[in-house]
């Protein structure tokens, strides 16, 4: 099950990047880092150009930030729909 959640997170990251104005992003262009705590997997960090996404598996949501650390939006991993957006 963990593998399918990770794959879902990857797909959500690609879809959200496209929605945030980064069309044609190939999975190989997104840098992915495993997040560990006490040698246990706790999530993933994704980076594409000036957008980064953080997914903590126990939170079941992926938070997107710009290069300056400003929050862009959060997307639920299970529902794959936006759960919040930063004010414009």
Protein backbone atom coordinates (compact mmCIF):
# COMPACT_ATOMS: atom_id res chain seq x y z
CA UNK A 1 0.00 0.00 0.00
CA UNK A 2 2.83 2.45 0.78
CA UNK A 3 4.16 2.08 -2.76
CA UNK A 4 0.80 3.01 -4.26
CA UNK A 5 0.57 6.09 -1.99
CA UNK A 6 4.02 7.19 -3.12
CA UNK A 7 3.03 6.72 -6.75
CA UNK A 8 -0.18 8.70 -6.13
CA UNK A 9 1.91 11.48 -4.58
CA UNK A 10 4.15 11.55 -7.66
CA UNK A 11 1.17 11.82 -9.99
CA UNK A 12 -0.38 14.58 -7.87
CA UNK A 13 2.88 16.52 -7.95
CA UNK A 14 3.02 16.33 -11.76
CA UNK A 15 -0.64 17.35 -12.13
CA UNK A 16 -0.28 20.22 -9.66
CA UNK A 17 2.87 21.48 -11.35
CA UNK A 18 0.92 21.65 -14.63
CA UNK A 19 -1.91 23.53 -12.90
CA UNK A 20 0.65 25.95 -11.42
CA UNK A 21 1.87 26.85 -14.91
CA UNK A 22 4.60 24.26 -15.48
CA UNK A 23 3.27 22.31 -18.50
CA UNK A 24 5.01 19.32 -20.01
CA UNK A 25 6.90 18.36 -16.85
CA UNK A 26 8.39 14.92 -17.20
CA UNK A 27 8.70 12.78 -14.09
CA UNK A 28 12.44 12.53 -14.68
CA UNK A 29 12.75 16.32 -14.38
CA UNK A 30 11.42 16.33 -10.82
CA UNK A 31 14.04 15.77 -8.15
CA UNK A 32 12.70 13.48 -5.44
CA UNK A 33 14.19 13.03 -1.98
CA UNK A 34 13.10 10.55 0.67
CA UNK A 35 12.48 12.10 4.07
CA UNK A 36 13.59 10.00 7.04
CA UNK A 37 13.15 10.33 10.78
CA UNK A 38 14.98 7.86 13.01
CA UNK A 39 15.75 5.84 9.85
CA UNK A 40 12.04 5.47 9.07
CA UNK A 41 10.36 6.79 5.92
CA UNK A 42 8.15 9.78 6.77
CA UNK A 43 7.57 11.35 3.35
CA UNK A 44 9.03 12.86 0.20
CA UNK A 45 10.34 16.17 -1.01
CA UNK A 46 9.88 17.06 -4.67
CA UNK A 47 11.67 19.90 -6.47
CA UNK A 48 11.06 21.24 -9.96
CA UNK A 49 12.71 24.50 -10.92
CA UNK A 50 11.37 27.08 -8.44
CA UNK A 51 8.54 24.99 -7.01
CA UNK A 52 8.95 22.46 -4.25
CA UNK A 53 6.48 20.11 -2.67
CA UNK A 54 6.63 18.37 0.68
CA UNK A 55 4.63 15.26 1.50
CA UNK A 56 4.60 13.88 5.02
CA UNK A 57 2.93 10.49 4.70
CA UNK A 58 1.14 10.73 8.04
CA UNK A 59 -0.49 14.03 7.01
CA UNK A 60 -1.87 12.65 3.72
CA UNK A 61 -1.40 15.98 1.93
CA UNK A 62 1.25 17.55 -0.27
CA UNK A 63 2.13 21.20 0.39
CA UNK A 64 3.51 23.28 -2.49
CA UNK A 65 5.85 26.25 -2.02
CA UNK A 66 7.63 28.69 -4.30
CA UNK A 67 11.39 29.26 -4.25
CA UNK A 68 11.02 31.90 -1.51
CA UNK A 69 9.12 29.49 0.75
CA UNK A 70 5.72 31.08 0.13
CA UNK A 71 2.84 28.62 0.43
CA UNK A 72 1.08 28.00 -2.90
CA UNK A 73 -1.45 25.28 -2.12
CA UNK A 74 -2.04 21.95 -0.44
CA UNK A 75 -3.45 18.88 -2.18
CA UNK A 76 -4.85 15.84 -0.37
CA UNK A 77 -3.11 12.66 -1.48
CA UNK A 78 -6.21 10.48 -1.27
CA UNK A 79 -8.65 12.89 -2.89
CA UNK A 80 -6.22 14.62 -5.28
CA UNK A 81 -8.11 17.88 -4.91
CA UNK A 82 -6.92 21.23 -3.56
CA UNK A 83 -7.46 21.62 0.19
CA UNK A 84 -6.37 25.23 0.35
CA UNK A 85 -4.74 27.99 -1.59
CA UNK A 86 -2.73 31.00 -0.61
CA UNK A 87 -4.49 34.34 -0.86
CA UNK A 88 -3.65 36.30 -3.98
